[in-house]
Amino acid sequence: MARTVTNQPERHRYVIENGSGEAGFAEYRSTDDTIVFTHTLIDEDKREKGMASDLVQWALDDVRDNTQLRVVAECPYVKRWLQKHPDYQDLTRR
């Protein structure tokens, strides 16, 4: 099933949809130079293998491609994801 991720800055979250509606989100808050990922949630009844990973990767790619923000991972899932993907470590420091 196709997955789509969008940034919804008015709601301070990236949202993933899986064809049957919203399946989860990654919440954040931002300042002038940081984006702090605070919470990631995939609806239990809509969980598919890899959905949270797709969501986080898309969000981090969006941050990398469209901002100069430094990523801070308060969310345990985002923190673990970053530890497993060293090619994204440049987002966590300048």
PDB file of N, CA and C in Angstrom:
ATOM      1  N   MET A   1       0.841  -1.179   0.000  1.00  0.00           N
ATOM      2  CA  MET A   1       0.000   0.000   0.000  1.00  0.00           C
ATOM      3  C   MET A   1       0.889   1.246   0.000  1.00  0.00           C
ATOM      4  N   ALA A   2       0.555   2.219  -0.819  1.00  0.00           N
ATOM      5  CA  ALA A   2       1.352   3.434  -0.938  1.00  0.00           C
ATOM      6  C   ALA A   2       1.312   4.252   0.346  1.00  0.00           C
ATOM      7  N   ARG A   3       2.454   4.824   0.672  1.00  0.00           N
ATOM      8  CA  ARG A   3       2.562   5.670   1.853  1.00  0.00           C
ATOM      9  C   ARG A   3       2.888   7.091   1.410  1.00  0.00           C
ATOM     10  N   THR A   4       2.274   8.040   2.068  1.00  0.00           N
ATOM     11  CA  THR A   4       2.509   9.446   1.790  1.00  0.00           C
ATOM     12  C   THR A   4       2.816  10.152   3.100  1.00  0.00           C
ATOM     13  N   VAL A   5       3.849  10.981   3.093  1.00  0.00           N
ATOM     14  CA  VAL A   5       4.189  11.763   4.283  1.00  0.00           C
ATOM     15  C   VAL A   5       4.106  13.235   3.918  1.00  0.00           C
ATOM     16  N   THR A   6       3.477  14.001   4.793  1.00  0.00           N
ATOM     17  CA  THR A   6       3.385  15.448   4.602  1.00  0.00           C
ATOM     18  C   THR A   6       3.761  16.157   5.893  1.00  0.00           C
ATOM     19  N   ASN A   7       4.325  17.343   5.726  1.00  0.00           N
ATOM     20  CA  ASN A   7       4.600  18.195   6.872  1.00  0.00           C
ATOM     21  C   ASN A   7       3.374  19.073   7.076  1.00  0.00           C
ATOM     22  N   GLN A   8       2.887  19.111   8.295  1.00  0.00           N
ATOM     23  CA  GLN A   8       1.761  19.969   8.650  1.00  0.00           C
ATOM     24  C   GLN A   8       2.242  20.954   9.718  1.00  0.00           C
ATOM     25  N   PRO A   9       2.930  22.011   9.283  1.00  0.00           N
ATOM     26  CA  PRO A   9       3.532  22.925  10.260  1.00  0.00           C
ATOM     27  C   PRO A   9       2.525  23.589  11.196  1.00  0.00           C
ATOM     28  N   GLU A  10       1.301  23.773  10.737  1.00  0.00           N
ATOM     29  CA  GLU A  10       0.290  24.382  11.604  1.00  0.00           C
ATOM     30  C   GLU A  10      -0.075  23.457  12.764  1.00  0.00           C
ATOM     31  N   ARG A  11       0.172  22.156  12.593  1.00  0.00           N
ATOM     32  CA  ARG A  11      -0.090  21.172  13.652  1.00  0.00           C
ATOM     33  C   ARG A  11       1.211  20.697  14.312  1.00  0.00           C
ATOM     34  N   HIS A  12       2.351  21.202  13.830  1.00  0.00           N
ATOM     35  CA  HIS A  12       3.671  20.841  14.358  1.00  0.00           C
ATOM     36  C   HIS A  12       3.919  19.343  14.276  1.00  0.00           C
ATOM     37  N   ARG A  13       3.651  18.794  13.097  1.00  0.00           N
ATOM     38  CA  ARG A  13       3.853  17.354  12.928  1.00  0.00           C
ATOM     39  C   ARG A  13       4.001  16.975  11.460  1.00  0.00           C
ATOM     40  N   TYR A  14       4.722  15.875  11.274  1.00  0.00           N
ATOM     41  CA  TYR A  14       4.750  15.180   9.999  1.00  0.00           C
ATOM     42  C   TYR A  14       3.737  14.058  10.122  1.00  0.00           C
ATOM     43  N   VAL A  15       2.941  13.857   9.085  1.00  0.00           N
ATOM     44  CA  VAL A  15       1.873  12.861   9.115  1.00  0.00           C
ATOM     45  C   VAL A  15       2.104  11.846   7.999  1.00  0.00           C
ATOM     46  N   ILE A  16       1.925  10.566   8.330  1.00  0.00           N
ATOM     47  CA  ILE A  16       2.013   9.507   7.330  1.00  0.00           C
ATOM     48  C   ILE A  16       0.617   8.935   7.095  1.00  0.00           C
ATOM     49  N   GLU A  17       0.297   8.759   5.821  1.00  0.00           N
ATOM     50  CA  GLU A  17      -0.967   8.132   5.426  1.00  0.00           C
ATOM     51  C   GLU A  17      -0.628   6.875   4.640  1.00  0.00           C
ATOM     52  N   ASN A  18      -1.492   5.890   4.747  1.00  0.00           N
ATOM     53  CA  ASN A  18      -1.226   4.608   4.079  1.00  0.00           C
ATOM     54  C   ASN A  18      -2.334   4.205   3.118  1.00  0.00           C
ATOM     55  N   GLY A  19      -3.025   5.165   2.548  1.00  0.00           N
ATOM     56  CA  GLY A  19      -4.087   4.858   1.602  1.00  0.00           C
ATOM     57  C   GLY A  19      -5.457   4.796   2.228  1.00  0.00           C
ATOM     58  N   SER A  20      -5.507   4.524   3.517  1.00  0.00           N
ATOM     59  CA  SER A  20      -6.801   4.486   4.208  1.00  0.00           C
ATOM     60  C   SER A  20      -6.895   5.595   5.252  1.00  0.00           C
ATOM     61  N   GLY A  21      -6.128   6.648   5.059  1.00  0.00           N
ATOM     62  CA  GLY A  21      -6.163   7.777   5.982  1.00  0.00           C
ATOM     63  C   GLY A  21      -4.903   7.887   6.810  1.00  0.00           C
ATOM     64  N   GLU A  22      -4.936   8.816   7.741  1.00  0.00           N
ATOM     65  CA  GLU A  22      -3.781   9.063   8.601  1.00  0.00           C
ATOM     66  C   GLU A  22      -3.461   7.829   9.423  1.00  0.00           C
ATOM     67  N   ALA A  23      -2.187   7.442   9.394  1.00  0.00           N
ATOM     68  CA  ALA A  23      -1.758   6.254  10.120  1.00  0.00           C
ATOM     69  C   ALA A  23      -0.851   6.585  11.297  1.00  0.00           C
ATOM     70  N   GLY A  24      -0.308   7.797  11.311  1.00  0.00           N
ATOM     71  CA  GLY A  24       0.567   8.166  12.407  1.00  0.00           C
ATOM     72  C   GLY A  24       1.199   9.518  12.172  1.00  0.00           C
ATOM     73  N   PHE A  25       2.056   9.908  13.137  1.00  0.00           N
ATOM     74  CA  PHE A  25       2.665  11.227  13.051  1.00  0.00           C
ATOM     75  C   PHE A  25       3.958  11.270  13.849  1.00  0.00           C
ATOM     76  N   ALA A  26       4.765  12.268  13.536  1.00  0.00           N
ATOM     77  CA  ALA A  26       5.950  12.609  14.307  1.00  0.00           C
ATOM     78  C   ALA A  26       5.793  14.077  14.695  1.00  0.00           C
ATOM     79  N   GLU A  27       5.612  14.331  15.972  1.00  0.00           N
ATOM     80  CA  GLU A  27       5.420  15.697  16.453  1.00  0.00           C
ATOM     81  C   GLU A  27       6.760  16.380  16.667  1.00  0.00           C
ATOM     82  N   TYR A  28       6.754  17.700  16.488  1.00  0.00           N
ATOM     83  CA  TYR A  28       7.967  18.475  16.699  1.00  0.00           C
ATOM     84  C   TYR A  28       7.630  19.878  17.187  1.00  0.00           C
ATOM     85  N   ARG A  29       8.655  20.511  17.716  1.00  0.00           N
ATOM     86  CA  ARG A  29       8.587  21.950  17.971  1.00  0.00           C
ATOM     87  C   ARG A  29       9.875  22.521  17.382  1.00  0.00           C
ATOM     88  N   SER A  30       9.802  23.766  16.965  1.00  0.00           N
ATOM     89  CA  SER A  30      10.985  24.345  16.350  1.00  0.00           C
ATOM     90  C   SER A  30      11.276  25.718  16.910  1.00  0.00           C
ATOM     91  N   THR A  31      12.560  26.074  16.823  1.00  0.00           N
ATOM     92  CA  THR A  31      13.021  27.396  17.201  1.00  0.00           C
ATOM     93  C   THR A  31      13.723  27.968  15.973  1.00  0.00           C
ATOM     94  N   ASP A  32      14.460  29.028  16.177  1.00  0.00           N
ATOM     95  CA  ASP A  32      15.161  29.634  15.046  1.00  0.00           C
ATOM     96  C   ASP A  32      16.176  28.696  14.403  1.00  0.00           C
ATOM     97  N   ASP A  33      16.811  27.827  15.204  1.00  0.00           N
ATOM     98  CA  ASP A  33      17.870  26.993  14.641  1.00  0.00           C
ATOM     99  C   ASP A  33      17.734  25.498  14.921  1.00  0.00           C
ATOM    100  N   THR A  34      16.659  25.068  15.592  1.00  0.00           N
ATOM    101  CA  THR A  34      16.486  23.640  15.867  1.00  0.00           C
ATOM    102  C   THR A  34      15.065  23.173  15.567  1.00  0.00           C
ATOM    103  N   ILE A  35      14.981  21.886  15.304  1.00  0.00           N
ATOM    104  CA  ILE A  35      13.692  21.198  15.261  1.00  0.00           C
ATOM    105  C   ILE A  35      13.819  20.040  16.241  1.00  0.00           C
ATOM    106  N   VAL A  36      12.933  20.021  17.210  1.00  0.00           N
ATOM    107  CA  VAL A  36      12.976  19.023  18.275  1.00  0.00           C
ATOM    108  C   VAL A  36      11.839  18.034  18.035  1.00  0.00           C
ATOM    109  N   PHE A  37      12.201  16.789  17.712  1.00  0.00           N
ATOM    110  CA  PHE A  37      11.190  15.745  17.542  1.00  0.00           C
ATOM    111  C   PHE A  37      10.852  15.208  18.928  1.00  0.00           C
ATOM    112  N   THR A  38       9.572  15.345  19.301  1.00  0.00           N
ATOM    113  CA  THR A  38       9.153  15.045  20.670  1.00  0.00           C
ATOM    114  C   THR A  38       8.398  13.727  20.823  1.00  0.00           C
ATOM    115  N   HIS A  39       7.720  13.283  19.768  1.00  0.00           N
ATOM    116  CA  HIS A  39       6.874  12.098  19.910  1.00  0.00           C
ATOM    117  C   HIS A  39       6.551  11.529  18.529  1.00  0.00           C
ATOM    118  N   THR A  40       6.634  10.222  18.393  1.00  0.00           N
ATOM    119  CA  THR A  40       6.251   9.537  17.163  1.00  0.00           C
ATOM    120  C   THR A  40       5.236   8.465  17.524  1.00  0.00           C
ATOM    121  N   LEU A  41       4.158   8.402  16.748  1.00  0.00           N
ATOM    122  CA  LEU A  41       3.100   7.437  17.025  1.00  0.00           C
ATOM    123  C   LEU A  41       2.529   6.907  15.720  1.00  0.00           C
ATOM    124  N   ILE A  42       2.409   5.592  15.632  1.00  0.00           N
ATOM    125  CA  ILE A  42       1.710   4.932  14.527  1.00  0.00           C
ATOM    126  C   ILE A  42       0.496   4.249  15.149  1.00  0.00           C
ATOM    127  N   ASP A  43      -0.694   4.511  14.595  1.00  0.00           N
ATOM    128  CA  ASP A  43      -1.915   3.901  15.121  1.00  0.00           C
ATOM    129  C   ASP A  43      -1.769   2.381  15.141  1.00  0.00           C
ATOM    130  N   GLU A  44      -2.116   1.795  16.263  1.00  0.00           N
ATOM    131  CA  GLU A  44      -1.941   0.351  16.447  1.00  0.00           C
ATOM    132  C   GLU A  44      -2.650  -0.463  15.368  1.00  0.00           C
ATOM    133  N   ASP A  45      -3.845  -0.067  14.988  1.00  0.00           N
ATOM    134  CA  ASP A  45      -4.598  -0.835  13.999  1.00  0.00           C
ATOM    135  C   ASP A  45      -4.136  -0.566  12.564  1.00  0.00           C
ATOM    136  N   LYS A  46      -3.199   0.353  12.386  1.00  0.00           N
ATOM    137  CA  LYS A  46      -2.697   0.671  11.050  1.00  0.00           C
ATOM    138  C   LYS A  46      -1.209   0.390  10.906  1.00  0.00           C
ATOM    139  N   ARG A  47      -0.630  -0.247  11.895  1.00  0.00           N
ATOM    140  CA  ARG A  47       0.812  -0.497  11.850  1.00  0.00           C
ATOM    141  C   ARG A  47       1.163  -1.468  10.741  1.00  0.00           C
ATOM    142  N   GLU A  48       2.186  -1.081  10.028  1.00  0.00           N
ATOM    143  CA  GLU A  48       2.766  -1.934   9.001  1.00  0.00           C
ATOM    144  C   GLU A  48       4.266  -1.921   9.227  1.00  0.00           C
ATOM    145  N   LYS A  49       4.903  -2.979   8.895  1.00  0.00           N
ATOM    146  CA  LYS A  49       6.348  -3.053   9.085  1.00  0.00           C
ATOM    147  C   LYS A  49       7.041  -1.901   8.362  1.00  0.00           C
ATOM    148  N   GLY A  50       7.814  -1.142   9.110  1.00  0.00           N
ATOM    149  CA  GLY A  50       8.608  -0.074   8.533  1.00  0.00           C
ATOM    150  C   GLY A  50       7.925   1.273   8.418  1.00  0.00           C
ATOM    151  N   MET A  51       6.674   1.382   8.817  1.00  0.00           N
ATOM    152  CA  MET A  51       5.964   2.649   8.643  1.00  0.00           C
ATOM    153  C   MET A  51       6.594   3.770   9.467  1.00  0.00           C
ATOM    154  N   ALA A  52       6.933   3.526  10.718  1.00  0.00           N
ATOM    155  CA  ALA A  52       7.544   4.563  11.549  1.00  0.00           C
ATOM    156  C   ALA A  52       8.900   4.973  10.986  1.00  0.00           C
ATOM    157  N   SER A  53       9.654   4.002  10.515  1.00  0.00           N
ATOM    158  CA  SER A  53      10.948   4.302   9.911  1.00  0.00           C
ATOM    159  C   SER A  53      10.796   5.169   8.663  1.00  0.00           C
ATOM    160  N   ASP A  54       9.834   4.844   7.813  1.00  0.00           N
ATOM    161  CA  ASP A  54       9.576   5.657   6.623  1.00  0.00           C
ATOM    162  C   ASP A  54       9.218   7.088   7.011  1.00  0.00           C
ATOM    163  N   LEU A  55       8.385   7.222   8.020  1.00  0.00           N
ATOM    164  CA  LEU A  55       7.957   8.537   8.484  1.00  0.00           C
ATOM    165  C   LEU A  55       9.149   9.362   8.953  1.00  0.00           C
ATOM    166  N   VAL A  56       9.976   8.786   9.801  1.00  0.00           N
ATOM    167  CA  VAL A  56      11.119   9.511  10.351  1.00  0.00           C
ATOM    168  C   VAL A  56      12.121   9.849   9.248  1.00  0.00           C
ATOM    169  N   GLN A  57      12.398   8.900   8.369  1.00  0.00           N
ATOM    170  CA  GLN A  57      13.349   9.180   7.292  1.00  0.00           C
ATOM    171  C   GLN A  57      12.846  10.313   6.403  1.00  0.00           C
ATOM    172  N   TRP A  58      11.573  10.285   6.047  1.00  0.00           N
ATOM    173  CA  TRP A  58      11.022  11.333   5.197  1.00  0.00           C
ATOM    174  C   TRP A  58      11.122  12.687   5.901  1.00  0.00           C
ATOM    175  N   ALA A  59      10.775  12.726   7.193  1.00  0.00           N
ATOM    176  CA  ALA A  59      10.833  13.977   7.948  1.00  0.00           C
ATOM    177  C   ALA A  59      12.262  14.518   8.002  1.00  0.00           C
ATOM    178  N   LEU A  60      13.221  13.646   8.283  1.00  0.00           N
ATOM    179  CA  LEU A  60      14.613  14.091   8.355  1.00  0.00           C
ATOM    180  C   LEU A  60      15.135  14.517   6.992  1.00  0.00           C
ATOM    181  N   ASP A  61      14.728  13.824   5.940  1.00  0.00           N
ATOM    182  CA  ASP A  61      15.116  14.245   4.593  1.00  0.00           C
ATOM    183  C   ASP A  61      14.547  15.622   4.285  1.00  0.00           C
ATOM    184  N   ASP A  62      13.314  15.864   4.702  1.00  0.00           N
ATOM    185  CA  ASP A  62      12.690  17.168   4.485  1.00  0.00           C
ATOM    186  C   ASP A  62      13.446  18.261   5.239  1.00  0.00           C
ATOM    187  N   VAL A  63      13.816  17.986   6.467  1.00  0.00           N
ATOM    188  CA  VAL A  63      14.597  18.952   7.249  1.00  0.00           C
ATOM    189  C   VAL A  63      15.919  19.233   6.540  1.00  0.00           C
ATOM    190  N   ARG A  64      16.602  18.187   6.101  1.00  0.00           N
ATOM    191  CA  ARG A  64      17.898  18.342   5.422  1.00  0.00           C
ATOM    192  C   ARG A  64      17.759  19.137   4.127  1.00  0.00           C
ATOM    193  N   ASP A  65      16.748  18.817   3.347  1.00  0.00           N
ATOM    194  CA  ASP A  65      16.607  19.417   2.021  1.00  0.00           C
ATOM    195  C   ASP A  65      16.036  20.830   2.031  1.00  0.00           C
ATOM    196  N   ASN A  66      15.282  21.183   3.065  1.00  0.00           N
ATOM    197  CA  ASN A  66      14.526  22.437   3.020  1.00  0.00           C
ATOM    198  C   ASN A  66      14.795  23.422   4.143  1.00  0.00           C
ATOM    199  N   THR A  67      15.694  23.074   5.057  1.00  0.00           N
ATOM    200  CA  THR A  67      15.981  23.981   6.169  1.00  0.00           C
ATOM    201  C   THR A  67      17.463  23.939   6.509  1.00  0.00           C
ATOM    202  N   GLN A  68      17.832  24.791   7.423  1.00  0.00           N
ATOM    203  CA  GLN A  68      19.181  24.778   8.013  1.00  0.00           C
ATOM    204  C   GLN A  68      19.111  24.370   9.482  1.00  0.00           C
ATOM    205  N   LEU A  69      17.993  23.759   9.884  1.00  0.00           N
ATOM    206  CA  LEU A  69      17.765  23.436  11.292  1.00  0.00           C
ATOM    207  C   LEU A  69      18.616  22.262  11.759  1.00  0.00           C
ATOM    208  N   ARG A  70      18.978  22.303  13.025  1.00  0.00           N
ATOM    209  CA  ARG A  70      19.674  21.212  13.694  1.00  0.00           C
ATOM    210  C   ARG A  70      18.614  20.341  14.362  1.00  0.00           C
ATOM    211  N   VAL A  71      18.727  19.044  14.233  1.00  0.00           N
ATOM    212  CA  VAL A  71      17.743  18.105  14.787  1.00  0.00           C
ATOM    213  C   VAL A  71      18.111  17.734  16.219  1.00  0.00           C
ATOM    214  N   VAL A  72      17.112  17.791  17.086  1.00  0.00           N
ATOM    215  CA  VAL A  72      17.237  17.302  18.460  1.00  0.00           C
ATOM    216  C   VAL A  72      16.177  16.216  18.616  1.00  0.00           C
ATOM    217  N   ALA A  73      16.609  15.047  19.067  1.00  0.00           N
ATOM    218  CA  ALA A  73      15.696  13.911  19.194  1.00  0.00           C
ATOM    219  C   ALA A  73      15.359  13.676  20.662  1.00  0.00           C
ATOM    220  N   GLU A  74      14.221  14.216  21.100  1.00  0.00           N
ATOM    221  CA  GLU A  74      13.698  13.887  22.433  1.00  0.00           C
ATOM    222  C   GLU A  74      12.891  12.601  22.362  1.00  0.00           C
ATOM    223  N   CYS A  75      12.304  12.334  21.229  1.00  0.00           N
ATOM    224  CA  CYS A  75      11.518  11.119  21.021  1.00  0.00           C
ATOM    225  C   CYS A  75      12.454   9.912  21.019  1.00  0.00           C
ATOM    226  N   PRO A  76      12.190   8.914  21.854  1.00  0.00           N
ATOM    227  CA  PRO A  76      13.057   7.727  21.888  1.00  0.00           C
ATOM    228  C   PRO A  76      13.158   7.020  20.541  1.00  0.00           C
ATOM    229  N   TYR A  77      12.070   6.961  19.779  1.00  0.00           N
ATOM    230  CA  TYR A  77      12.135   6.289  18.483  1.00  0.00           C
ATOM    231  C   TYR A  77      13.053   7.038  17.528  1.00  0.00           C
ATOM    232  N   VAL A  78      12.923   8.345  17.447  1.00  0.00           N
ATOM    233  CA  VAL A  78      13.783   9.137  16.551  1.00  0.00           C
ATOM    234  C   VAL A  78      15.239   9.018  16.993  1.00  0.00           C
ATOM    235  N   LYS A  79      15.472   9.031  18.288  1.00  0.00           N
ATOM    236  CA  LYS A  79      16.834   8.895  18.819  1.00  0.00           C
ATOM    237  C   LYS A  79      17.443   7.556  18.383  1.00  0.00           C
ATOM    238  N   ARG A  80      16.697   6.458  18.537  1.00  0.00           N
ATOM    239  CA  ARG A  80      17.197   5.137  18.115  1.00  0.00           C
ATOM    240  C   ARG A  80      17.412   5.092  16.607  1.00  0.00           C
ATOM    241  N   TRP A  81      16.481   5.688  15.845  1.00  0.00           N
ATOM    242  CA  TRP A  81      16.591   5.690  14.393  1.00  0.00           C
ATOM    243  C   TRP A  81      17.873   6.394  13.970  1.00  0.00           C
ATOM    244  N   LEU A  82      18.161   7.524  14.576  1.00  0.00           N
ATOM    245  CA  LEU A  82      19.381   8.266  14.242  1.00  0.00           C
ATOM    246  C   LEU A  82      20.634   7.466  14.598  1.00  0.00           C
ATOM    247  N   GLN A  83      20.607   6.743  15.700  1.00  0.00           N
ATOM    248  CA  GLN A  83      21.759   5.929  16.089  1.00  0.00           C
ATOM    249  C   GLN A  83      22.015   4.821  15.073  1.00  0.00           C
ATOM    250  N   LYS A  84      20.959   4.303  14.457  1.00  0.00           N
ATOM    251  CA  LYS A  84      21.087   3.228  13.469  1.00  0.00           C
ATOM    252  C   LYS A  84      21.429   3.731  12.072  1.00  0.00           C
ATOM    253  N   HIS A  85      21.361   5.038  11.859  1.00  0.00           N
ATOM    254  CA  HIS A  85      21.595   5.616  10.532  1.00  0.00           C
ATOM    255  C   HIS A  85      22.644   6.721  10.635  1.00  0.00           C
ATOM    256  N   PRO A  86      23.923   6.322  10.679  1.00  0.00           N
ATOM    257  CA  PRO A  86      24.983   7.320  10.866  1.00  0.00           C
ATOM    258  C   PRO A  86      25.054   8.368   9.758  1.00  0.00           C
ATOM    259  N   ASP A  87      24.501   8.074   8.594  1.00  0.00           N
ATOM    260  CA  ASP A  87      24.528   9.043   7.506  1.00  0.00           C
ATOM    261  C   ASP A  87      23.594  10.233   7.761  1.00  0.00           C
ATOM    262  N   TYR A  88      22.851  10.205   8.863  1.00  0.00           N
ATOM    263  CA  TYR A  88      21.993  11.329   9.251  1.00  0.00           C
ATOM    264  C   TYR A  88      22.563  12.113  10.436  1.00  0.00           C
ATOM    265  N   GLN A  89      23.729  11.719  10.924  1.00  0.00           N
ATOM    266  CA  GLN A  89      24.308  12.376  12.088  1.00  0.00           C
ATOM    267  C   GLN A  89      24.652  13.841  11.831  1.00  0.00           C
ATOM    268  N   ASP A  90      24.874  14.194  10.571  1.00  0.00           N
ATOM    269  CA  ASP A  90      25.182  15.589  10.266  1.00  0.00           C
ATOM    270  C   ASP A  90      24.029  16.522  10.620  1.00  0.00           C
ATOM    271  N   LEU A  91      22.813  15.988  10.719  1.00  0.00           N
ATOM    272  CA  LEU A  91      21.663  16.815  11.086  1.00  0.00           C
ATOM    273  C   LEU A  91      21.646  17.161  12.574  1.00  0.00           C
ATOM    274  N   THR A  92      22.369  16.397  13.381  1.00  0.00           N
ATOM    275  CA  THR A  92      22.300  16.595  14.821  1.00  0.00           C
ATOM    276  C   THR A  92      23.388  17.527  15.338  1.00  0.00           C
ATOM    277  N   ARG A  93      24.293  17.949  14.494  1.00  0.00           N
ATOM    278  CA  ARG A  93      25.345  18.869  14.922  1.00  0.00           C
ATOM    279  C   ARG A  93      25.762  19.733  13.746  1.00  0.00           C
ATOM    280  N   ARG A  94      26.397  20.833  14.065  1.00  0.00           N
ATOM    281  CA  ARG A  94      26.879  21.746  13.010  1.00  0.00           C
ATOM    282  C   ARG A  94      28.367  21.827  13.035  1.00  0.00           C
TER     283      ARG A  94
END
